[in-house]
Each structure stands twice: as structure tokens, then as C-alpha cells.
Amino acid sequence: MSSPVTSSSVTSGFDPASVLARPMFQRITDVRLEDPETAFRNAQNRKKREKMTPDGRLCILACDHPARRVVGVADQPLAMANRYDYLARIVAVLQANAVDGVMATMDILDELLILHELFTNVGKPGLLDDKLLIPSLNRGGLAGADWEMDDPVTGPGVETCKLWAMDGVKLLLRLCDHDAGSLKTLHTCAEHITYANELELPIFLEPLPVAKESNAYKVQYHADALARTVGVACALGDSPRNLWLKLPYCENFHTAAAATSLPILLLGGDSTDNAAFAENLKQAMQRSWNVRGVMAGRNVLYPASGDPVTAAKTLYDIVHQPRD
């Protein structure tokens, strides 16, 4: 679906120091030692949106990969393991107002909340003003582990997300018919959807049909398999009243989108070919009314062009352009 990308193409064209000076990055450690409550305080006091999505659409940056031991980009096995470079790319996109918010694990949200205060202290705009913050909950299904399909909540609980004044929660649900761990994950997601509804928190659920191939779990990019998985996802928990689905694009994607009336965000996947992904997003939104945006990571942060800001703006403009 995408052309090969060389390691040089996903690293060139971006200078982390242009948006995040290394002393500022290093200051995060000092703040944690001097005032451990900084992130929590900023989470509660930040300027929040009055409404999650004024136009019914969202462009969200996904930053939860490293917590599941997924840090490779193209042929660079540790690209996302460089936290300074990774965080600087996130900051660049946020500063450009090229996304509606960030979906990430709490360690990354913690860093962004600290930087939010550090930036305002030196007269810069608040990094997270009017941005949605969505914690990723279940990251226990580590890539390559024997228990990969058993994906428990190892991040914050729903109650913690509410306490931190977060704007929603994200759950991953990979269904493999021949691995009983998927059943445990299914129960986990159902329970947390119900609890999130009690606390009136939106839920972003990523349901993926997978199969084990050559000792690795591979997403099945087939519309029929995806449509069947969507049917399972929609029925989880006490009600889908706050539920969004995060789905991968595939051939005949409209078939999968037609399996639900829930709002859908496209996920970016493994590719760094942002141009191809942008075209897929455009087609999906034109053909399926309930496709309401995107939640992408590598396509934005490590595009083939090398510029995360341009990549983010391209997707943002597609998502928020007026519909006919």
C-alpha cells in the first residue's frame, strides 16, 4: 500500500533543537525532582476546550507506541526510543496548532504538561491550551511477548484520567481467534468502556483483527474481517454512547465503515508515507459519513518528507475542510 522509505528520509529535514532546546528538555528531570506535582497541577489548570469537537471531527496525534515496545520507524529499529527527538517532534506539531490533541501514555503526557509550564514561564504560548489529552490505558500486550494478545490496563485507570481532567481514554483491542489472551482483553475493554461511561469520558477503541504469521501477530487488512470486528467492538460495555472507533484503512474500507453508526478515526499504521495516507483519509471521509478524522503517529512524526509539521497540517486540513 505504501512505497519503501529509507532511514535517511525519515530523519532528514527536522532539527529538534529548533523547537525544543536541549536545556529545556533536560529541565524536565529537574522539575520532577523539585516539584513532582507539576504535571498534575497543570493538567487540572490548563485551558480546556468548551466542546471536544465543534465540527464533529478530530485530528489526533498518536504517541503511545514506545510503551508497547514498538519504537522502530522504517529501517531504524530505535527511532522512537530517542526521547529528546521524539518529544521535539510532538512539540513541533502542537506549536503549529496542526492537531486537535494528543493520545499518549502518561509518561509522555507528563512531559508535555511540564513543558507547558516551562514554555509559559519564558513567555511562550501554552503548549496544551485548547488541546485534547487522551491517555492510552492498556499497553501490557508487549510486542513479541508470549502474552501479547492478553493486553491488560497497565497505564492509568479511568478514575485517574477523570481526576487528571483528561478528555477521554484510549483502548487497544486485538482479536486473534487462536489466542485466548484476546478474550481477556475483550473483557478488560468492556469493563473500562462501562466505567468511562459512568464518568462521562469519551472512549477511543482500536479494534483490530489479527492473525499469527511467522511468530508475529499481523493485522488483517481486509474489509470483511474488519467489518466483523467492528460488530464486536460496538457491542462492548454498557453502552456505546461515548464510543469512537479507531480503524485501519484497507481496500473497500467503506464496507467496514458501514458496519457501524459510530464515529470513526483512521489509524496511521506502520507506514511513513504520509502522502498515500492523506489520500486514503480523503477518500474514506468522502465515501463514509461516519469517518470523522484521524488518529495517527508515525505518518505525522516521521513522514518521508522529514517535516512533521507539514505532514500534520496536511491531515488536519483534510479532516476539517467543510463537507458538501
Protein backbone atom coordinates (compact mmCIF):
# COMPACT_ATOMS: atom_id res chain seq x y z
CA MET A 1 0.00 0.00 0.00
CA SER A 2 2.97 2.30 0.56
CA SER A 3 6.36 2.74 -1.04
CA PRO A 4 9.56 1.80 0.82
CA VAL A 5 11.08 4.56 2.94
CA THR A 6 14.79 4.83 3.65
CA SER A 7 16.18 5.69 7.05
CA SER A 8 17.61 9.00 5.83
CA SER A 9 14.23 10.16 4.50
CA VAL A 10 12.51 9.88 7.87
CA THR A 11 15.23 11.70 9.83
CA SER A 12 16.31 14.47 7.48
CA GLY A 13 14.60 17.84 7.41
CA PHE A 14 13.91 18.09 11.13
CA ASP A 15 16.09 19.72 13.78
CA PRO A 16 14.77 19.00 17.30
CA ALA A 17 16.65 21.99 18.73
CA SER A 18 14.58 24.31 16.52
CA VAL A 19 11.52 23.70 18.70
CA LEU A 20 12.87 22.25 21.94
CA ALA A 21 16.24 23.40 23.23
CA ARG A 22 18.11 20.57 24.89
CA PRO A 23 18.47 22.52 28.20
CA MET A 24 14.66 22.87 28.26
CA PHE A 25 14.29 19.13 27.68
CA GLN A 26 16.79 18.39 30.46
CA ARG A 27 14.89 20.74 32.75
CA ILE A 28 12.01 18.21 32.81
CA THR A 29 14.09 15.94 35.05
CA ASP A 30 14.85 18.79 37.44
CA VAL A 31 11.16 19.74 37.68
CA ARG A 32 10.23 16.17 38.54
CA LEU A 33 12.71 16.22 41.41
CA GLU A 34 11.86 19.71 42.63
CA ASP A 35 8.07 19.62 42.27
CA PRO A 36 6.63 16.19 41.36
CA GLU A 37 3.08 17.58 41.30
CA THR A 38 3.77 19.97 38.41
CA ALA A 39 2.20 17.80 35.71
CA PHE A 40 -0.88 17.01 37.80
CA ARG A 41 -1.39 20.68 38.64
CA ASN A 42 -1.03 21.76 35.01
CA ALA A 43 -3.41 19.03 33.85
CA GLN A 44 -6.16 20.44 36.05
CA ASN A 45 -5.41 24.13 35.43
CA ARG A 46 -4.78 24.12 31.67
CA LYS A 47 -7.17 25.94 29.34
CA LYS A 48 -9.58 23.30 28.07
CA ARG A 49 -11.96 23.30 25.14
CA GLU A 50 -15.61 24.06 25.83
CA LYS A 51 -16.54 21.27 23.41
CA MET A 52 -14.47 18.28 22.35
CA THR A 53 -15.19 18.69 18.64
CA PRO A 54 -17.11 21.78 17.47
CA ASP A 55 -17.39 20.45 13.90
CA GLY A 56 -17.78 16.75 14.71
CA ARG A 57 -14.26 15.88 13.53
CA LEU A 58 -10.88 15.26 15.12
CA CYS A 59 -7.23 15.15 14.12
CA ILE A 60 -5.33 13.48 16.97
CA LEU A 61 -1.61 12.74 17.25
CA ALA A 62 -0.93 9.19 18.48
CA CYS A 63 2.09 8.83 20.77
CA ASP A 64 1.71 5.58 22.68
CA HIS A 65 3.94 3.25 20.65
CA PRO A 66 7.09 3.07 22.84
CA ALA A 67 5.16 1.76 25.85
CA ARG A 68 4.32 -1.40 23.92
CA ARG A 69 7.96 -1.83 22.83
CA VAL A 70 7.22 -0.52 19.34
CA VAL A 71 9.96 2.01 18.59
CA GLY A 72 11.02 1.24 15.02
CA VAL A 73 10.46 3.51 12.03
CA ALA A 74 11.25 2.22 8.54
CA ASP A 75 14.65 0.52 8.88
CA GLN A 76 15.56 2.32 12.10
CA PRO A 77 14.78 -0.08 14.96
CA LEU A 78 15.19 2.52 17.73
CA ALA A 79 13.98 5.74 16.10
CA MET A 80 11.19 6.39 18.62
CA ALA A 81 13.41 5.35 21.52
CA ASN A 82 15.26 8.69 21.32
CA ARG A 83 13.01 10.61 23.71
CA TYR A 84 14.50 14.04 23.01
CA ASP A 85 13.92 13.74 19.26
CA TYR A 86 10.53 12.05 19.73
CA LEU A 87 9.27 14.68 22.16
CA ALA A 88 10.56 17.53 19.99
CA ARG A 89 8.55 16.23 17.04
CA ILE A 90 5.42 16.16 19.19
CA VAL A 91 6.12 19.70 20.41
CA ALA A 92 6.62 20.94 16.85
CA VAL A 93 3.20 19.67 15.79
CA LEU A 94 1.49 21.10 18.89
CA GLN A 95 3.13 24.50 18.49
CA ALA A 96 1.92 24.64 14.89
CA ASN A 97 -1.68 24.02 16.02
CA ALA A 98 -1.79 21.24 13.45
CA VAL A 99 -3.75 18.77 15.62
CA ASP A 100 -6.72 18.84 17.96
CA GLY A 101 -4.86 16.95 20.64
CA VAL A 102 -2.60 14.11 21.69
CA MET A 103 -3.29 10.48 22.55
CA ALA A 104 -0.34 9.17 24.56
CA THR A 105 0.80 7.21 27.56
CA MET A 106 1.02 9.10 30.85
CA ASP A 107 4.80 9.43 30.78
CA ILE A 108 4.61 11.44 27.57
CA LEU A 109 1.62 13.46 28.76
CA ASP A 110 3.56 14.13 31.96
CA GLU A 111 6.45 15.56 29.92
CA LEU A 112 4.15 17.70 27.81
CA LEU A 113 2.39 19.06 30.89
CA ILE A 114 5.73 20.05 32.42
CA LEU A 115 6.84 21.68 29.17
CA HIS A 116 3.52 23.53 29.07
CA GLU A 117 4.52 25.37 32.25
CA LEU A 118 8.17 25.79 31.25
CA PHE A 119 7.14 27.41 27.98
CA THR A 120 4.71 29.82 29.62
CA ASN A 121 7.38 30.75 32.17
CA VAL A 122 9.56 32.10 29.36
CA GLY A 123 6.73 33.92 27.61
CA LYS A 124 5.80 31.28 25.03
CA PRO A 125 2.20 30.22 24.35
CA GLY A 126 0.86 27.39 26.45
CA LEU A 127 1.69 24.16 24.66
CA LEU A 128 -1.58 22.42 25.57
CA ASP A 129 -4.11 25.25 25.57
CA ASP A 130 -7.34 24.08 23.91
CA LYS A 131 -5.78 20.69 23.11
CA LEU A 132 -7.36 17.33 23.91
CA LEU A 133 -5.34 14.97 26.11
CA ILE A 134 -6.27 11.30 25.80
CA PRO A 135 -4.33 8.74 27.89
CA SER A 136 -3.65 5.30 26.44
CA LEU A 137 -4.68 2.68 29.01
CA ASN A 138 -3.72 -0.85 28.01
CA ARG A 139 -0.11 -1.29 26.91
CA GLY A 140 0.61 -4.62 28.62
CA GLY A 141 0.46 -6.65 25.40
CA LEU A 142 4.12 -6.10 24.65
CA ALA A 143 5.17 -6.66 21.05
CA GLY A 144 6.80 -10.06 20.66
CA ALA A 145 5.82 -11.35 24.11
CA ASP A 146 4.20 -14.75 24.66
CA TRP A 147 1.22 -12.96 26.25
CA GLU A 148 0.91 -10.29 23.54
CA MET A 149 -2.84 -10.83 23.00
CA ASP A 150 -3.50 -10.58 26.76
CA ASP A 151 -3.39 -6.79 26.94
CA PRO A 152 -4.29 -5.60 30.47
CA VAL A 153 -4.52 -2.00 31.61
CA THR A 154 -1.00 -1.15 32.71
CA GLY A 155 -1.46 2.61 32.35
CA PRO A 156 -3.79 4.89 34.29
CA GLY A 157 -7.24 3.75 35.28
CA VAL A 158 -10.37 5.55 34.15
CA GLU A 159 -10.82 7.17 37.56
CA THR A 160 -7.28 8.58 37.39
CA CYS A 161 -7.97 10.03 33.95
CA LYS A 162 -11.02 11.80 35.34
CA LEU A 163 -9.03 13.08 38.32
CA TRP A 164 -6.38 14.48 35.98
CA ALA A 165 -9.11 16.27 33.96
CA MET A 166 -8.25 14.33 30.82
CA ASP A 167 -10.50 14.50 27.76
CA GLY A 168 -11.02 10.79 27.09
CA VAL A 169 -9.36 7.37 27.18
CA LYS A 170 -7.96 5.05 24.51
CA LEU A 171 -8.08 1.24 24.47
CA LEU A 172 -6.49 -1.28 22.11
CA LEU A 173 -8.38 -4.49 21.28
CA ARG A 174 -6.64 -7.02 19.04
CA LEU A 175 -8.70 -10.11 18.34
CA CYS A 176 -6.91 -13.32 17.41
CA ASP A 177 -9.22 -16.32 17.07
CA HIS A 178 -6.50 -18.76 18.10
CA ASP A 179 -5.19 -16.97 21.20
CA ALA A 180 -7.21 -16.99 24.43
CA GLY A 181 -5.46 -13.82 25.55
CA SER A 182 -7.80 -11.89 23.27
CA LEU A 183 -10.77 -12.94 25.39
CA LYS A 184 -9.16 -11.41 28.48
CA THR A 185 -8.52 -8.20 26.58
CA LEU A 186 -12.14 -8.23 25.38
CA HIS A 187 -13.37 -8.34 28.99
CA THR A 188 -10.92 -5.61 30.01
CA CYS A 189 -12.14 -3.28 27.27
CA ALA A 190 -15.81 -3.93 28.09
CA GLU A 191 -15.28 -3.14 31.77
CA HIS A 192 -13.40 0.07 31.06
CA ILE A 193 -15.93 1.26 28.50
CA THR A 194 -18.65 0.90 31.12
CA TYR A 195 -16.59 2.71 33.74
CA ALA A 196 -15.68 5.52 31.34
CA ASN A 197 -19.36 5.99 30.56
CA GLU A 198 -20.09 6.34 34.28
CA LEU A 199 -17.55 9.16 34.46
CA GLU A 200 -18.70 10.69 31.14
CA LEU A 201 -15.34 10.23 29.43
CA PRO A 202 -15.19 9.62 25.67
CA ILE A 203 -13.62 6.29 24.71
CA PHE A 204 -11.44 5.72 21.65
CA LEU A 205 -11.36 1.99 20.94
CA GLU A 206 -8.96 0.47 18.40
CA PRO A 207 -10.37 -2.95 17.42
CA LEU A 208 -8.09 -4.92 15.11
CA PRO A 209 -8.48 -8.40 13.60
CA VAL A 210 -5.09 -10.13 13.76
CA ALA A 211 -3.59 -13.49 12.85
CA LYS A 212 -0.32 -15.08 13.90
CA GLU A 213 2.10 -15.34 10.99
CA SER A 214 5.74 -16.41 11.36
CA ASN A 215 5.61 -15.95 15.16
CA ALA A 216 4.25 -12.41 14.85
CA TYR A 217 0.73 -11.02 15.10
CA LYS A 218 -0.25 -9.30 11.87
CA VAL A 219 -3.24 -7.01 11.38
CA GLN A 220 -5.63 -8.39 8.77
CA TYR A 221 -6.21 -5.52 6.35
CA HIS A 222 -9.39 -7.00 4.86
CA ALA A 223 -12.71 -5.20 4.85
CA ASP A 224 -14.70 -8.33 5.70
CA ALA A 225 -12.55 -9.19 8.73
CA LEU A 226 -12.62 -5.56 9.86
CA ALA A 227 -16.40 -5.33 9.48
CA ARG A 228 -16.88 -8.41 11.67
CA THR A 229 -14.53 -6.98 14.30
CA VAL A 230 -16.39 -3.65 14.26
CA GLY A 231 -19.59 -5.52 15.11
CA VAL A 232 -17.94 -6.95 18.23
CA ALA A 233 -16.44 -3.62 19.27
CA CYS A 234 -19.71 -1.68 19.05
CA ALA A 235 -21.46 -4.03 21.48
CA LEU A 236 -18.89 -3.84 24.30
CA GLY A 237 -19.73 -2.36 27.68
CA ASP A 238 -23.00 -0.96 28.92
CA SER A 239 -23.50 1.43 26.02
CA PRO A 240 -21.61 2.91 23.02
CA ARG A 241 -22.86 6.41 23.87
CA ASN A 242 -19.33 7.85 24.27
CA LEU A 243 -17.55 5.47 21.91
CA TRP A 244 -15.34 6.29 18.93
CA LEU A 245 -13.63 3.62 16.81
CA LYS A 246 -10.06 3.83 15.52
CA LEU A 247 -9.72 1.69 12.39
CA PRO A 248 -7.05 0.96 9.77
CA TYR A 249 -7.68 1.84 6.15
CA CYS A 250 -7.95 -1.03 3.70
CA GLU A 251 -9.31 -1.77 0.26
CA ASN A 252 -13.12 -1.42 0.24
CA PHE A 253 -12.91 0.37 3.58
CA HIS A 254 -16.47 1.65 3.14
CA THR A 255 -17.66 -1.91 3.82
CA ALA A 256 -16.09 -1.81 7.29
CA ALA A 257 -17.34 1.73 7.95
CA ALA A 258 -20.86 0.65 7.02
CA ALA A 259 -20.82 -1.90 9.87
CA THR A 260 -21.46 0.86 12.43
CA SER A 261 -23.06 4.23 13.01
CA LEU A 262 -20.31 5.16 15.47
CA PRO A 263 -17.80 7.90 14.59
CA ILE A 264 -14.55 6.54 13.12
CA LEU A 265 -10.98 7.82 13.15
CA LEU A 266 -8.45 6.31 10.76
CA LEU A 267 -5.26 4.99 12.33
CA GLY A 268 -1.94 5.65 10.64
CA GLY A 269 -0.31 2.23 10.92
CA ASP A 270 3.31 1.35 10.20
CA SER A 271 3.81 3.48 7.11
CA THR A 272 5.63 6.80 6.95
CA ASP A 273 4.18 7.57 3.50
CA ASN A 274 2.03 10.50 4.58
CA ALA A 275 1.02 11.42 1.02
CA ALA A 276 -0.55 8.00 0.42
CA PHE A 277 -2.20 8.03 3.82
CA ALA A 278 -3.60 11.52 3.22
CA GLU A 279 -5.23 10.29 0.01
CA ASN A 280 -6.71 7.30 1.84
CA LEU A 281 -8.11 9.62 4.51
CA LYS A 282 -9.64 11.90 1.91
CA GLN A 283 -11.34 9.02 0.12
CA ALA A 284 -12.61 7.49 3.36
CA MET A 285 -14.14 10.76 4.55
CA GLN A 286 -15.76 11.41 1.16
CA ARG A 287 -17.31 7.95 0.92
CA SER A 288 -18.28 7.21 4.54
CA TRP A 289 -20.14 9.86 6.52
CA ASN A 290 -19.14 8.44 9.90
CA VAL A 291 -15.39 8.70 9.20
CA ARG A 292 -14.70 11.80 11.27
CA GLY A 293 -10.94 12.18 11.24
CA VAL A 294 -7.65 10.57 12.10
CA MET A 295 -5.51 9.38 14.98
CA ALA A 296 -2.03 8.89 13.50
CA GLY A 297 1.53 8.72 14.81
CA ARG A 298 4.36 7.67 12.52
CA ASN A 299 2.71 9.13 9.42
CA VAL A 300 2.90 12.51 11.10
CA LEU A 301 6.01 12.37 13.28
CA TYR A 302 8.29 10.55 10.82
CA PRO A 303 6.98 11.30 7.33
CA ALA A 304 9.01 10.53 4.24
CA SER A 305 9.29 14.27 3.67
CA GLY A 306 11.05 14.65 7.02
CA ASP A 307 8.78 17.51 8.17
CA PRO A 308 6.23 16.54 10.85
CA VAL A 309 4.52 19.95 10.82
CA THR A 310 3.70 19.82 7.11
CA ALA A 311 2.53 16.22 7.46
CA ALA A 312 0.24 17.14 10.36
CA LYS A 313 -1.20 20.19 8.60
CA THR A 314 -1.99 18.12 5.52
CA LEU A 315 -4.11 15.72 7.55
CA TYR A 316 -5.65 18.48 9.68
CA ASP A 317 -6.82 20.38 6.60
CA ILE A 318 -8.42 17.25 5.12
CA VAL A 319 -10.22 16.47 8.37
CA HIS A 320 -11.56 19.96 9.00
CA GLN A 321 -12.40 21.12 5.48
CA PRO A 322 -16.13 21.80 5.05
CA ARG A 323 -18.15 18.92 3.66
CA ASP A 324 -20.52 19.35 0.74
